[in-house]
Amino acid sequence: MSHPSTLASAWDTSCVGRSADISLLELSHLGEHLAHCGALRGPLDQLLAGAAWLQTLVAEHVVTVALLVTLLVGAVSLV
């Protein structure tokens, strides 16, 4: 005989013909789920998130950095 999981979510992504309001019980279950997922994140996940942030930052400024490097190399070559 199998026992249902106590971590099973009690919220749906659709209203299935009922009111689309969110109940306090559904919000509570969602909060518990998010807390559980957040607790599973380890140092490797934080490192990967930081690397993704750094890559996004560099990608946004790649033209500016390329221009500054070109100007610096040009100024050094003139000296």
Protein backbone atom coordinates (compact mmCIF):
# COMPACT_ATOMS: atom_id res chain seq x y z
CA MET A 1 0.00 0.00 0.00
CA SER A 2 1.48 3.37 -1.00
CA HIS A 3 1.17 6.50 1.08
CA PRO A 4 0.61 9.88 -0.57
CA SER A 5 3.51 12.29 -0.28
CA THR A 6 3.18 15.04 2.30
CA LEU A 7 5.07 17.40 -0.05
CA ALA A 8 2.48 17.11 -2.83
CA SER A 9 1.28 20.53 -3.87
CA ALA A 10 -2.33 21.45 -3.24
CA TRP A 11 -2.50 24.21 -5.84
CA ASP A 12 -3.26 24.12 -9.54
CA THR A 13 -2.21 26.34 -12.43
CA SER A 14 -5.77 26.71 -13.68
CA CYS A 15 -9.08 27.47 -12.05
CA VAL A 16 -10.91 24.49 -13.67
CA GLY A 17 -14.23 26.29 -13.93
CA ARG A 18 -14.06 27.81 -10.46
CA SER A 19 -13.23 31.29 -9.30
CA ALA A 20 -9.71 32.40 -10.18
CA ASP A 21 -9.09 33.77 -6.68
CA ILE A 22 -6.18 32.34 -4.71
CA SER A 23 -7.02 30.99 -1.30
CA LEU A 24 -4.84 31.47 1.76
CA LEU A 25 -4.30 27.71 1.90
CA GLU A 26 -2.97 27.72 -1.68
CA LEU A 27 -0.63 30.62 -0.86
CA SER A 28 0.58 28.76 2.20
CA HIS A 29 1.35 25.62 0.17
CA LEU A 30 3.11 27.70 -2.47
CA GLY A 31 5.21 29.42 0.20
CA GLU A 32 6.18 26.06 1.68
CA HIS A 33 7.13 24.79 -1.78
CA LEU A 34 9.30 27.83 -2.50
CA ALA A 35 10.99 27.55 0.90
CA HIS A 36 11.70 23.87 0.25
CA CYS A 37 13.14 24.60 -3.21
CA GLY A 38 15.25 27.44 -1.82
CA ALA A 39 16.69 25.13 0.85
CA LEU A 40 17.84 22.69 -1.83
CA ARG A 41 20.06 25.30 -3.47
CA GLY A 42 23.69 24.78 -2.66
CA PRO A 43 26.95 26.63 -3.22
CA LEU A 44 27.25 25.30 -6.78
CA ASP A 45 23.89 26.80 -7.71
CA GLN A 46 24.97 30.14 -6.23
CA LEU A 47 28.22 29.99 -8.20
CA LEU A 48 26.35 29.24 -11.43
CA ALA A 49 23.90 32.07 -10.77
CA GLY A 50 26.81 34.46 -10.18
CA ALA A 51 28.50 33.31 -13.39
CA ALA A 52 25.28 33.85 -15.34
CA TRP A 53 24.95 37.34 -13.86
CA LEU A 54 28.56 38.17 -14.78
CA GLN A 55 28.09 36.87 -18.32
CA THR A 56 24.98 39.02 -18.74
CA LEU A 57 26.81 42.08 -17.42
CA VAL A 58 29.76 41.56 -19.79
CA ALA A 59 27.45 40.85 -22.75
CA GLU A 60 25.62 44.13 -22.17
CA HIS A 61 28.87 46.12 -22.25
CA VAL A 62 30.89 44.22 -24.86
CA VAL A 63 30.83 47.10 -27.39
CA THR A 64 31.93 49.63 -24.77
CA VAL A 65 34.76 47.39 -23.58
CA ALA A 66 35.90 46.72 -27.16
CA LEU A 67 35.92 50.47 -27.88
CA LEU A 68 37.90 51.24 -24.73
CA VAL A 69 40.47 48.51 -25.49
CA THR A 70 40.84 49.81 -29.06
CA LEU A 71 41.34 53.38 -27.83
CA LEU A 72 43.87 52.21 -25.22
CA VAL A 73 45.86 50.20 -27.76
CA GLY A 74 45.78 53.14 -30.17
CA ALA A 75 46.97 55.57 -27.48
CA VAL A 76 49.78 53.23 -26.43
CA SER A 77 50.90 52.75 -30.04
CA LEU A 78 51.13 56.54 -30.53
CA VAL A 79 53.45 56.95 -27.57
